[in-house]
C-alpha cells in the first residue's frame, strides 16, 4: 500500500524529536563522538523531510506550529538571540 507523504513527514519529525532529546543526553554525558553521529542523523532526516514535503500537496512544517497567533492576535516571540 502506498504511504501518504504527510504521514511519512510526521514519522520523520517524530524521529527527529526523539534524536534531539538523545543528543542532549549524550552531550550531558560527554559522549562527543556519539553526539556527532546522532547530529548527522538528525541533519539527514531534516533533508529527507524537505524532500518529502516538496512532494506533497500540504507540506508539513513543524516550525509553523510556533507561528500560530494567540487570542490577542500577536504571534509568539522568536527564540532567536540578539548579539548584545
C-alpha atoms as a PDB file:
ATOM      1  CA  UNK A   1       0.000   0.000   0.000  1.00  0.00           C
ATOM      2  CA  UNK A   2       1.234   3.495  -0.868  1.00  0.00           C
ATOM      3  CA  UNK A   3       2.174   5.584   2.173  1.00  0.00           C
ATOM      4  CA  UNK A   4       0.962   9.174   2.153  1.00  0.00           C
ATOM      5  CA  UNK A   5       3.730  11.830   2.210  1.00  0.00           C
ATOM      6  CA  UNK A   6       2.020  13.615   5.094  1.00  0.00           C
ATOM      7  CA  UNK A   7       2.167  10.569   7.379  1.00  0.00           C
ATOM      8  CA  UNK A   8       5.795   9.984   6.374  1.00  0.00           C
ATOM      9  CA  UNK A   9       6.595  13.610   7.288  1.00  0.00           C
ATOM     10  CA  UNK A  10       5.058  13.184  10.739  1.00  0.00           C
ATOM     11  CA  UNK A  11       7.012   9.952  11.258  1.00  0.00           C
ATOM     12  CA  UNK A  12      10.299  11.584  10.256  1.00  0.00           C
ATOM     13  CA  UNK A  13       9.619  14.571  12.509  1.00  0.00           C
ATOM     14  CA  UNK A  14       8.851  12.289  15.464  1.00  0.00           C
ATOM     15  CA  UNK A  15      12.196  10.553  14.969  1.00  0.00           C
ATOM     16  CA  UNK A  16      13.971  13.916  14.760  1.00  0.00           C
ATOM     17  CA  UNK A  17      12.424  14.994  18.073  1.00  0.00           C
ATOM     18  CA  UNK A  18      13.491  11.717  19.712  1.00  0.00           C
ATOM     19  CA  UNK A  19      17.044  12.011  18.396  1.00  0.00           C
ATOM     20  CA  UNK A  20      17.293  15.641  19.533  1.00  0.00           C
ATOM     21  CA  UNK A  21      16.359  14.511  23.034  1.00  0.00           C
ATOM     22  CA  UNK A  22      19.005  11.780  22.936  1.00  0.00           C
ATOM     23  CA  UNK A  23      21.539  14.278  21.580  1.00  0.00           C
ATOM     24  CA  UNK A  24      21.049  16.429  24.675  1.00  0.00           C
ATOM     25  CA  UNK A  25      21.602  13.384  26.903  1.00  0.00           C
ATOM     26  CA  UNK A  26      24.761  12.432  25.017  1.00  0.00           C
ATOM     27  CA  UNK A  27      26.107  15.976  25.325  1.00  0.00           C
ATOM     28  CA  UNK A  28      25.398  15.969  29.064  1.00  0.00           C
ATOM     29  CA  UNK A  29      27.292  12.673  29.430  1.00  0.00           C
ATOM     30  CA  UNK A  30      30.243  13.934  27.418  1.00  0.00           C
ATOM     31  CA  UNK A  31      29.800  11.432  24.609  1.00  0.00           C
ATOM     32  CA  UNK A  32      31.046  13.754  21.882  1.00  0.00           C
ATOM     33  CA  UNK A  33      31.729  11.188  19.156  1.00  0.00           C
ATOM     34  CA  UNK A  34      28.294   9.607  19.561  1.00  0.00           C
ATOM     35  CA  UNK A  35      26.699  13.061  19.625  1.00  0.00           C
ATOM     36  CA  UNK A  36      28.350  13.903  16.300  1.00  0.00           C
ATOM     37  CA  UNK A  37      26.835  10.809  14.694  1.00  0.00           C
ATOM     38  CA  UNK A  38      23.382  11.478  16.153  1.00  0.00           C
ATOM     39  CA  UNK A  39      23.571  15.072  14.929  1.00  0.00           C
ATOM     40  CA  UNK A  40      24.489  13.810  11.445  1.00  0.00           C
ATOM     41  CA  UNK A  41      21.447  11.524  11.525  1.00  0.00           C
ATOM     42  CA  UNK A  42      19.240  14.474  12.517  1.00  0.00           C
ATOM     43  CA  UNK A  43      20.572  16.550   9.611  1.00  0.00           C
ATOM     44  CA  UNK A  44      19.972  13.679   7.179  1.00  0.00           C
ATOM     45  CA  UNK A  45      16.399  13.268   8.420  1.00  0.00           C
ATOM     46  CA  UNK A  46      15.795  17.016   8.038  1.00  0.00           C
ATOM     47  CA  UNK A  47      16.989  16.711   4.455  1.00  0.00           C
ATOM     48  CA  UNK A  48      14.667  13.746   3.923  1.00  0.00           C
ATOM     49  CA  UNK A  49      11.806  15.717   5.463  1.00  0.00           C
ATOM     50  CA  UNK A  50      12.397  18.552   2.996  1.00  0.00           C
ATOM     51  CA  UNK A  51      12.218  16.075   0.118  1.00  0.00           C
ATOM     52  CA  UNK A  52       9.017  14.509   1.447  1.00  0.00           C
ATOM     53  CA  UNK A  53       7.480  17.961   1.892  1.00  0.00           C
ATOM     54  CA  UNK A  54       8.349  19.023  -1.653  1.00  0.00           C
ATOM     55  CA  UNK A  55       6.483  16.000  -2.990  1.00  0.00           C
ATOM     56  CA  UNK A  56       3.294  16.555  -1.004  1.00  0.00           C
ATOM     57  CA  UNK A  57       0.384  18.909  -1.558  1.00  0.00           C
ATOM     58  CA  UNK A  58       0.229  20.117   2.045  1.00  0.00           C
ATOM     59  CA  UNK A  59       3.812  20.184   3.240  1.00  0.00           C
ATOM     60  CA  UNK A  60       4.374  19.670   6.961  1.00  0.00           C
ATOM     61  CA  UNK A  61       6.435  22.404   8.589  1.00  0.00           C
ATOM     62  CA  UNK A  62       6.808  21.903  12.358  1.00  0.00           C
ATOM     63  CA  UNK A  63       8.145  25.438  12.789  1.00  0.00           C
ATOM     64  CA  UNK A  64       4.731  26.738  11.735  1.00  0.00           C
ATOM     65  CA  UNK A  65       3.261  25.278  14.927  1.00  0.00           C
ATOM     66  CA  UNK A  66       5.056  28.079  16.785  1.00  0.00           C
ATOM     67  CA  UNK A  67       3.666  30.737  14.475  1.00  0.00           C
ATOM     68  CA  UNK A  68       0.013  30.357  15.461  1.00  0.00           C
ATOM     69  CA  UNK A  69      -1.355  33.612  16.823  1.00  0.00           C
ATOM     70  CA  UNK A  70      -2.712  33.722  20.348  1.00  0.00           C
ATOM     71  CA  UNK A  71      -6.080  35.235  21.313  1.00  0.00           C
ATOM     72  CA  UNK A  72      -4.682  38.768  21.432  1.00  0.00           C
ATOM     73  CA  UNK A  73      -3.698  38.485  17.791  1.00  0.00           C
ATOM     74  CA  UNK A  74       0.029  38.614  18.362  1.00  0.00           C
ATOM     75  CA  UNK A  75       2.337  35.805  17.391  1.00  0.00           C
ATOM     76  CA  UNK A  76       4.764  34.284  19.914  1.00  0.00           C
ATOM     77  CA  UNK A  77       8.206  35.810  20.157  1.00  0.00           C
ATOM     78  CA  UNK A  78      11.016  34.190  18.295  1.00  0.00           C
ATOM     79  CA  UNK A  79      13.576  32.142  20.203  1.00  0.00           C
ATOM     80  CA  UNK A  80      16.446  33.827  18.392  1.00  0.00           C
ATOM     81  CA  UNK A  81      19.110  35.516  20.438  1.00  0.00           C
ATOM     82  CA  UNK A  82      20.381  39.032  19.955  1.00  0.00           C
ATOM     83  CA  UNK A  83      24.044  39.857  19.548  1.00  0.00           C
ATOM     84  CA  UNK A  84      24.296  42.222  22.540  1.00  0.00           C
END
